[in-house]
Amino acid sequence: AAAEALWVIRAYGDLNDVLWEATFTEETPT
């Protein structure tokens, strides 16, 4: 993931086909 992303959540279609991605920084409350 990009350097500023502490959390990355990805949904996949076929194999490595990313359907969507959500990223959260270190300041996002857990």
PDB file of all heavy atoms in Angstrom:
ATOM      1  N   ALA A   1       0.830  -1.210   0.000  1.00  0.00           N
ATOM      2  CA  ALA A   1       0.000   0.000   0.000  1.00  0.00           C
ATOM      3  C   ALA A   1       0.861   1.255   0.000  1.00  0.00           C
ATOM      4  O   ALA A   1       2.061   1.207   0.248  1.00  0.00           O
ATOM      5  CB  ALA A   1      -0.895   0.000   1.230  1.00  0.00           C
ATOM      6  N   ALA A   2       0.204   2.366  -0.247  1.00  0.00           N
ATOM      7  CA  ALA A   2       0.878   3.667  -0.203  1.00  0.00           C
ATOM      8  C   ALA A   2       1.408   3.931   1.206  1.00  0.00           C
ATOM      9  O   ALA A   2       0.882   3.402   2.196  1.00  0.00           O
ATOM     10  CB  ALA A   2      -0.101   4.764  -0.596  1.00  0.00           C
ATOM     11  N   ALA A   3       2.429   4.735   1.300  1.00  0.00           N
ATOM     12  CA  ALA A   3       3.116   4.980   2.571  1.00  0.00           C
ATOM     13  C   ALA A   3       2.199   5.512   3.666  1.00  0.00           C
ATOM     14  O   ALA A   3       2.400   5.209   4.836  1.00  0.00           O
ATOM     15  CB  ALA A   3       4.278   5.943   2.355  1.00  0.00           C
ATOM     16  N   GLU A   4       1.193   6.287   3.332  1.00  0.00           N
ATOM     17  CA  GLU A   4       0.334   6.880   4.363  1.00  0.00           C
ATOM     18  C   GLU A   4      -0.768   5.941   4.857  1.00  0.00           C
ATOM     19  O   GLU A   4      -1.456   6.246   5.812  1.00  0.00           O
ATOM     20  CB  GLU A   4      -0.274   8.192   3.873  1.00  0.00           C
ATOM     21  CG  GLU A   4      -1.209   8.067   2.697  1.00  0.00           C
ATOM     22  CD  GLU A   4      -0.515   8.035   1.337  1.00  0.00           C
ATOM     23  OE1 GLU A   4       0.715   8.172   1.262  1.00  0.00           O
ATOM     24  OE2 GLU A   4      -1.220   7.869   0.345  1.00  0.00           O
ATOM     25  N   ALA A   5      -0.939   4.788   4.239  1.00  0.00           N
ATOM     26  CA  ALA A   5      -2.003   3.862   4.633  1.00  0.00           C
ATOM     27  C   ALA A   5      -1.538   2.928   5.749  1.00  0.00           C
ATOM     28  O   ALA A   5      -0.576   2.195   5.598  1.00  0.00           O
ATOM     29  CB  ALA A   5      -2.453   3.045   3.432  1.00  0.00           C
ATOM     30  N   LEU A   6      -2.232   2.990   6.888  1.00  0.00           N
ATOM     31  CA  LEU A   6      -1.956   2.058   7.977  1.00  0.00           C
ATOM     32  C   LEU A   6      -2.841   0.823   7.832  1.00  0.00           C
ATOM     33  O   LEU A   6      -2.445  -0.280   8.170  1.00  0.00           O
ATOM     34  CB  LEU A   6      -2.206   2.732   9.327  1.00  0.00           C
ATOM     35  CG  LEU A   6      -1.962   1.880  10.567  1.00  0.00           C
ATOM     36  CD1 LEU A   6      -0.504   1.404  10.639  1.00  0.00           C
ATOM     37  CD2 LEU A   6      -2.321   2.655  11.821  1.00  0.00           C
ATOM     38  N   TRP A   7      -4.044   1.013   7.329  1.00  0.00           N
ATOM     39  CA  TRP A   7      -4.998  -0.061   7.077  1.00  0.00           C
ATOM     40  C   TRP A   7      -5.385  -0.036   5.608  1.00  0.00           C
ATOM     41  O   TRP A   7      -5.657   1.025   5.054  1.00  0.00           O
ATOM     42  CB  TRP A   7      -6.266   0.132   7.893  1.00  0.00           C
ATOM     43  CG  TRP A   7      -6.113  -0.071   9.362  1.00  0.00           C
ATOM     44  CD1 TRP A   7      -5.740   0.871  10.286  1.00  0.00           C
ATOM     45  CD2 TRP A   7      -6.337  -1.274  10.085  1.00  0.00           C
ATOM     46  NE1 TRP A   7      -5.720   0.315  11.530  1.00  0.00           N
ATOM     47  CE2 TRP A   7      -6.086  -1.006  11.443  1.00  0.00           C
ATOM     48  CE3 TRP A   7      -6.731  -2.564   9.722  1.00  0.00           C
ATOM     49  CZ2 TRP A   7      -6.220  -1.965  12.437  1.00  0.00           C
ATOM     50  CZ3 TRP A   7      -6.866  -3.532  10.705  1.00  0.00           C
ATOM     51  CH2 TRP A   7      -6.610  -3.223  12.049  1.00  0.00           C
ATOM     52  N   VAL A   8      -5.433  -1.200   4.987  1.00  0.00           N
ATOM     53  CA  VAL A   8      -5.898  -1.335   3.603  1.00  0.00           C
ATOM     54  C   VAL A   8      -6.878  -2.497   3.573  1.00  0.00           C
ATOM     55  O   VAL A   8      -6.573  -3.582   4.065  1.00  0.00           O
ATOM     56  CB  VAL A   8      -4.738  -1.614   2.625  1.00  0.00           C
ATOM     57  CG1 VAL A   8      -5.257  -1.807   1.212  1.00  0.00           C
ATOM     58  CG2 VAL A   8      -3.719  -0.501   2.667  1.00  0.00           C
ATOM     59  N   ILE A   9      -8.046  -2.256   3.003  1.00  0.00           N
ATOM     60  CA  ILE A   9      -9.042  -3.309   2.841  1.00  0.00           C
ATOM     61  C   ILE A   9      -9.382  -3.358   1.367  1.00  0.00           C
ATOM     62  O   ILE A   9      -9.751  -2.338   0.775  1.00  0.00           O
ATOM     63  CB  ILE A   9     -10.285  -3.033   3.710  1.00  0.00           C
ATOM     64  CG1 ILE A   9      -9.852  -2.932   5.179  1.00  0.00           C
ATOM     65  CG2 ILE A   9     -11.338  -4.115   3.502  1.00  0.00           C
ATOM     66  CD1 ILE A   9     -10.727  -2.133   6.052  1.00  0.00           C
ATOM     67  N   ARG A  10      -9.221  -4.538   0.761  1.00  0.00           N
ATOM     68  CA  ARG A  10      -9.450  -4.705  -0.680  1.00  0.00           C
ATOM     69  C   ARG A  10     -10.391  -5.867  -0.930  1.00  0.00           C
ATOM     70  O   ARG A  10     -10.297  -6.897  -0.282  1.00  0.00           O
ATOM     71  CB  ARG A  10      -8.141  -5.013  -1.406  1.00  0.00           C
ATOM     72  CG  ARG A  10      -7.184  -3.886  -1.461  1.00  0.00           C
ATOM     73  CD  ARG A  10      -5.955  -4.260  -2.263  1.00  0.00           C
ATOM     74  NE  ARG A  10      -4.994  -3.175  -2.215  1.00  0.00           N
ATOM     75  CZ  ARG A  10      -3.692  -3.335  -2.313  1.00  0.00           C
ATOM     76  NH1 ARG A  10      -3.184  -4.540  -2.491  1.00  0.00           N
ATOM     77  NH2 ARG A  10      -2.884  -2.305  -2.249  1.00  0.00           N
ATOM     78  N   ALA A  11     -11.245  -5.673  -1.934  1.00  0.00           N
ATOM     79  CA  ALA A  11     -12.092  -6.756  -2.431  1.00  0.00           C
ATOM     80  C   ALA A  11     -11.580  -7.140  -3.804  1.00  0.00           C
ATOM     81  O   ALA A  11     -11.200  -6.278  -4.600  1.00  0.00           O
ATOM     82  CB  ALA A  11     -13.546  -6.298  -2.515  1.00  0.00           C
ATOM     83  N   TYR A  12     -11.559  -8.449  -4.045  1.00  0.00           N
ATOM     84  CA  TYR A  12     -11.011  -8.968  -5.296  1.00  0.00           C
ATOM     85  C   TYR A  12     -12.074  -9.677  -6.116  1.00  0.00           C
ATOM     86  O   TYR A  12     -12.967 -10.311  -5.567  1.00  0.00           O
ATOM     87  CB  TYR A  12      -9.877  -9.964  -5.013  1.00  0.00           C
ATOM     88  CG  TYR A  12      -8.634  -9.312  -4.487  1.00  0.00           C
ATOM     89  CD1 TYR A  12      -8.427  -9.161  -3.125  1.00  0.00           C
ATOM     90  CD2 TYR A  12      -7.661  -8.843  -5.352  1.00  0.00           C
ATOM     91  CE1 TYR A  12      -7.282  -8.558  -2.634  1.00  0.00           C
ATOM     92  CE2 TYR A  12      -6.506  -8.240  -4.867  1.00  0.00           C
ATOM     93  CZ  TYR A  12      -6.326  -8.108  -3.515  1.00  0.00           C
ATOM     94  OH  TYR A  12      -5.191  -7.510  -3.038  1.00  0.00           O
ATOM     95  N   GLY A  13     -11.920  -9.586  -7.427  1.00  0.00           N
ATOM     96  CA  GLY A  13     -12.705 -10.383  -8.366  1.00  0.00           C
ATOM     97  C   GLY A  13     -11.863 -11.590  -8.708  1.00  0.00           C
ATOM     98  O   GLY A  13     -11.546 -12.399  -7.847  1.00  0.00           O
ATOM     99  N   ASP A  14     -11.443 -11.683  -9.946  1.00  0.00           N
ATOM    100  CA  ASP A  14     -10.579 -12.786 -10.370  1.00  0.00           C
ATOM    101  C   ASP A  14      -9.146 -12.534  -9.945  1.00  0.00           C
ATOM    102  O   ASP A  14      -8.609 -11.451 -10.172  1.00  0.00           O
ATOM    103  CB  ASP A  14     -10.621 -12.944 -11.890  1.00  0.00           C
ATOM    104  CG  ASP A  14     -11.938 -13.511 -12.358  1.00  0.00           C
ATOM    105  OD1 ASP A  14     -12.552 -14.273 -11.594  1.00  0.00           O
ATOM    106  OD2 ASP A  14     -12.357 -13.184 -13.483  1.00  0.00           O
ATOM    107  N   LEU A  15      -8.560 -13.523  -9.335  1.00  0.00           N
ATOM    108  CA  LEU A  15      -7.172 -13.552  -8.911  1.00  0.00           C
ATOM    109  C   LEU A  15      -6.717 -12.229  -8.317  1.00  0.00           C
ATOM    110  O   LEU A  15      -7.069 -11.919  -7.201  1.00  0.00           O
ATOM    111  CB  LEU A  15      -6.271 -13.981 -10.076  1.00  0.00           C
ATOM    112  CG  LEU A  15      -4.887 -14.495  -9.694  1.00  0.00           C
ATOM    113  CD1 LEU A  15      -4.958 -15.591  -8.656  1.00  0.00           C
ATOM    114  CD2 LEU A  15      -4.152 -14.987 -10.917  1.00  0.00           C
ATOM    115  N   ASN A  16      -5.973 -11.411  -9.040  1.00  0.00           N
ATOM    116  CA  ASN A  16      -5.459 -10.153  -8.494  1.00  0.00           C
ATOM    117  C   ASN A  16      -6.224  -8.937  -8.989  1.00  0.00           C
ATOM    118  O   ASN A  16      -5.715  -7.821  -8.954  1.00  0.00           O
ATOM    119  CB  ASN A  16      -3.974 -10.005  -8.837  1.00  0.00           C
ATOM    120  CG  ASN A  16      -3.141 -11.021  -8.083  1.00  0.00           C
ATOM    121  OD1 ASN A  16      -3.405 -11.296  -6.919  1.00  0.00           O
ATOM    122  ND2 ASN A  16      -2.158 -11.584  -8.756  1.00  0.00           N
ATOM    123  N   ASP A  17      -7.440  -9.113  -9.452  1.00  0.00           N
ATOM    124  CA  ASP A  17      -8.277  -8.032  -9.954  1.00  0.00           C
ATOM    125  C   ASP A  17      -8.959  -7.331  -8.780  1.00  0.00           C
ATOM    126  O   ASP A  17      -9.918  -7.850  -8.205  1.00  0.00           O
ATOM    127  CB  ASP A  17      -9.304  -8.596 -10.929  1.00  0.00           C
ATOM    128  CG  ASP A  17     -10.220  -7.540 -11.493  1.00  0.00           C
ATOM    129  OD1 ASP A  17      -9.781  -6.379 -11.636  1.00  0.00           O
ATOM    130  OD2 ASP A  17     -11.379  -7.877 -11.798  1.00  0.00           O
ATOM    131  N   VAL A  18      -8.460  -6.153  -8.396  1.00  0.00           N
ATOM    132  CA  VAL A  18      -9.027  -5.405  -7.272  1.00  0.00           C
ATOM    133  C   VAL A  18     -10.329  -4.745  -7.719  1.00  0.00           C
ATOM    134  O   VAL A  18     -10.347  -3.957  -8.660  1.00  0.00           O
ATOM    135  CB  VAL A  18      -8.030  -4.337  -6.757  1.00  0.00           C
ATOM    136  CG1 VAL A  18      -8.661  -3.517  -5.641  1.00  0.00           C
ATOM    137  CG2 VAL A  18      -6.747  -4.989  -6.289  1.00  0.00           C
ATOM    138  N   LEU A  19     -11.428  -5.081  -7.037  1.00  0.00           N
ATOM    139  CA  LEU A  19     -12.724  -4.487  -7.336  1.00  0.00           C
ATOM    140  C   LEU A  19     -12.879  -3.130  -6.654  1.00  0.00           C
ATOM    141  O   LEU A  19     -13.441  -2.205  -7.219  1.00  0.00           O
ATOM    142  CB  LEU A  19     -13.861  -5.415  -6.893  1.00  0.00           C
ATOM    143  CG  LEU A  19     -13.917  -6.772  -7.590  1.00  0.00           C
ATOM    144  CD1 LEU A  19     -15.013  -7.636  -6.968  1.00  0.00           C
ATOM    145  CD2 LEU A  19     -14.162  -6.585  -9.081  1.00  0.00           C
ATOM    146  N   TRP A  20     -12.436  -3.047  -5.408  1.00  0.00           N
ATOM    147  CA  TRP A  20     -12.436  -1.777  -4.682  1.00  0.00           C
ATOM    148  C   TRP A  20     -11.417  -1.853  -3.556  1.00  0.00           C
ATOM    149  O   TRP A  20     -10.976  -2.927  -3.177  1.00  0.00           O
ATOM    150  CB  TRP A  20     -13.824  -1.400  -4.157  1.00  0.00           C
ATOM    151  CG  TRP A  20     -14.476  -2.388  -3.234  1.00  0.00           C
ATOM    152  CD1 TRP A  20     -15.436  -3.301  -3.567  1.00  0.00           C
ATOM    153  CD2 TRP A  20     -14.238  -2.578  -1.822  1.00  0.00           C
ATOM    154  NE1 TRP A  20     -15.792  -4.041  -2.458  1.00  0.00           N
ATOM    155  CE2 TRP A  20     -15.076  -3.614  -1.381  1.00  0.00           C
ATOM    156  CE3 TRP A  20     -13.387  -1.967  -0.906  1.00  0.00           C
ATOM    157  CZ2 TRP A  20     -15.098  -4.041  -0.053  1.00  0.00           C
ATOM    158  CZ3 TRP A  20     -13.398  -2.404   0.420  1.00  0.00           C
ATOM    159  CH2 TRP A  20     -14.257  -3.424   0.829  1.00  0.00           C
ATOM    160  N   GLU A  21     -11.072  -0.672  -3.055  1.00  0.00           N
ATOM    161  CA  GLU A  21     -10.089  -0.580  -1.974  1.00  0.00           C
ATOM    162  C   GLU A  21     -10.474   0.556  -1.044  1.00  0.00           C
ATOM    163  O   GLU A  21     -10.888   1.614  -1.495  1.00  0.00           O
ATOM    164  CB  GLU A  21      -8.702  -0.332  -2.558  1.00  0.00           C
ATOM    165  CG  GLU A  21      -7.626  -0.129  -1.509  1.00  0.00           C
ATOM    166  CD  GLU A  21      -6.265   0.096  -2.132  1.00  0.00           C
ATOM    167  OE1 GLU A  21      -5.620  -0.898  -2.491  1.00  0.00           O
ATOM    168  OE2 GLU A  21      -5.875   1.272  -2.273  1.00  0.00           O
ATOM    169  N   ALA A  22     -10.345   0.320   0.244  1.00  0.00           N
ATOM    170  CA  ALA A  22     -10.526   1.361   1.261  1.00  0.00           C
ATOM    171  C   ALA A  22      -9.230   1.457   2.046  1.00  0.00           C
ATOM    172  O   ALA A  22      -8.657   0.434   2.420  1.00  0.00           O
ATOM    173  CB  ALA A  22     -11.685   1.011   2.189  1.00  0.00           C
ATOM    174  N   THR A  23      -8.748   2.666   2.259  1.00  0.00           N
ATOM    175  CA  THR A  23      -7.533   2.852   3.045  1.00  0.00           C
ATOM    176  C   THR A  23      -7.815   3.798   4.200  1.00  0.00           C
ATOM    177  O   THR A  23      -8.671   4.672   4.106  1.00  0.00           O
ATOM    178  CB  THR A  23      -6.364   3.412   2.192  1.00  0.00           C
ATOM    179  OG1 THR A  23      -6.751   4.684   1.673  1.00  0.00           O
ATOM    180  CG2 THR A  23      -6.010   2.476   1.068  1.00  0.00           C
ATOM    181  N   PHE A  24      -7.089   3.582   5.291  1.00  0.00           N
ATOM    182  CA  PHE A  24      -7.231   4.397   6.481  1.00  0.00           C
ATOM    183  C   PHE A  24      -5.847   4.768   6.973  1.00  0.00           C
ATOM    184  O   PHE A  24      -4.943   3.933   6.985  1.00  0.00           O
ATOM    185  CB  PHE A  24      -7.989   3.637   7.577  1.00  0.00           C
ATOM    186  CG  PHE A  24      -9.361   3.203   7.161  1.00  0.00           C
ATOM    187  CD1 PHE A  24      -9.569   1.938   6.627  1.00  0.00           C
ATOM    188  CD2 PHE A  24     -10.438   4.062   7.292  1.00  0.00           C
ATOM    189  CE1 PHE A  24     -10.835   1.528   6.240  1.00  0.00           C
ATOM    190  CE2 PHE A  24     -11.709   3.660   6.908  1.00  0.00           C
ATOM    191  CZ  PHE A  24     -11.914   2.391   6.374  1.00  0.00           C
ATOM    192  N   THR A  25      -5.678   5.995   7.408  1.00  0.00           N
ATOM    193  CA  THR A  25      -4.389   6.464   7.904  1.00  0.00           C
ATOM    194  C   THR A  25      -4.240   6.143   9.388  1.00  0.00           C
ATOM    195  O   THR A  25      -5.189   5.681  10.037  1.00  0.00           O
ATOM    196  CB  THR A  25      -4.243   7.989   7.724  1.00  0.00           C
ATOM    197  OG1 THR A  25      -5.190   8.636   8.579  1.00  0.00           O
ATOM    198  CG2 THR A  25      -4.449   8.403   6.276  1.00  0.00           C
ATOM    199  N   GLU A  26      -3.077   6.443   9.927  1.00  0.00           N
ATOM    200  CA  GLU A  26      -2.821   6.167  11.342  1.00  0.00           C
ATOM    201  C   GLU A  26      -3.669   7.025  12.266  1.00  0.00           C
ATOM    202  O   GLU A  26      -3.793   6.734  13.451  1.00  0.00           O
ATOM    203  CB  GLU A  26      -1.347   6.344  11.662  1.00  0.00           C
ATOM    204  CG  GLU A  26      -0.824   7.740  11.445  1.00  0.00           C
ATOM    205  CD  GLU A  26       0.678   7.824  11.630  1.00  0.00           C
ATOM    206  OE1 GLU A  26       1.367   6.807  11.492  1.00  0.00           O
ATOM    207  OE2 GLU A  26       1.150   8.929  11.923  1.00  0.00           O
ATOM    208  N   GLU A  27      -4.280   8.066  11.756  1.00  0.00           N
ATOM    209  CA  GLU A  27      -5.131   8.928  12.589  1.00  0.00           C
ATOM    210  C   GLU A  27      -6.580   8.458  12.636  1.00  0.00           C
ATOM    211  O   GLU A  27      -7.381   9.003  13.386  1.00  0.00           O
ATOM    212  CB  GLU A  27      -5.073  10.374  12.075  1.00  0.00           C
ATOM    213  CG  GLU A  27      -3.684  10.986  12.157  1.00  0.00           C
ATOM    214  CD  GLU A  27      -3.076  10.909  13.553  1.00  0.00           C
ATOM    215  OE1 GLU A  27      -3.789  11.155  14.551  1.00  0.00           O
ATOM    216  OE2 GLU A  27      -1.887  10.588  13.658  1.00  0.00           O
ATOM    217  N   THR A  28      -6.944   7.462  11.850  1.00  0.00           N
ATOM    218  CA  THR A  28      -8.313   6.959  11.844  1.00  0.00           C
ATOM    219  C   THR A  28      -8.550   6.132  13.104  1.00  0.00           C
ATOM    220  O   THR A  28      -7.793   5.193  13.377  1.00  0.00           O
ATOM    221  CB  THR A  28      -8.559   6.068  10.606  1.00  0.00           C
ATOM    222  OG1 THR A  28      -8.230   6.802   9.436  1.00  0.00           O
ATOM    223  CG2 THR A  28     -10.014   5.621  10.544  1.00  0.00           C
ATOM    224  N   PRO A  29      -9.567   6.464  13.883  1.00  0.00           N
ATOM    225  CA  PRO A  29      -9.843   5.666  15.080  1.00  0.00           C
ATOM    226  C   PRO A  29     -10.112   4.203  14.719  1.00  0.00           C
ATOM    227  O   PRO A  29     -10.843   3.905  13.774  1.00  0.00           O
ATOM    228  CB  PRO A  29     -11.082   6.321  15.674  1.00  0.00           C
ATOM    229  CG  PRO A  29     -11.026   7.733  15.164  1.00  0.00           C
ATOM    230  CD  PRO A  29     -10.451   7.621  13.775  1.00  0.00           C
ATOM    231  N   THR A  30      -9.520   3.305  15.466  1.00  0.00           N
ATOM    232  CA  THR A  30      -9.686   1.878  15.212  1.00  0.00           C
ATOM    233  C   THR A  30     -11.150   1.474  15.312  1.00  0.00           C
ATOM    234  O   THR A  30     -11.599   0.563  14.626  1.00  0.00           O
ATOM    235  CB  THR A  30      -8.827   1.062  16.190  1.00  0.00           C
ATOM    236  OG1 THR A  30      -7.488   1.527  16.112  1.00  0.00           O
ATOM    237  CG2 THR A  30      -8.855  -0.408  15.858  1.00  0.00           C
TER     238      THR A  30
END
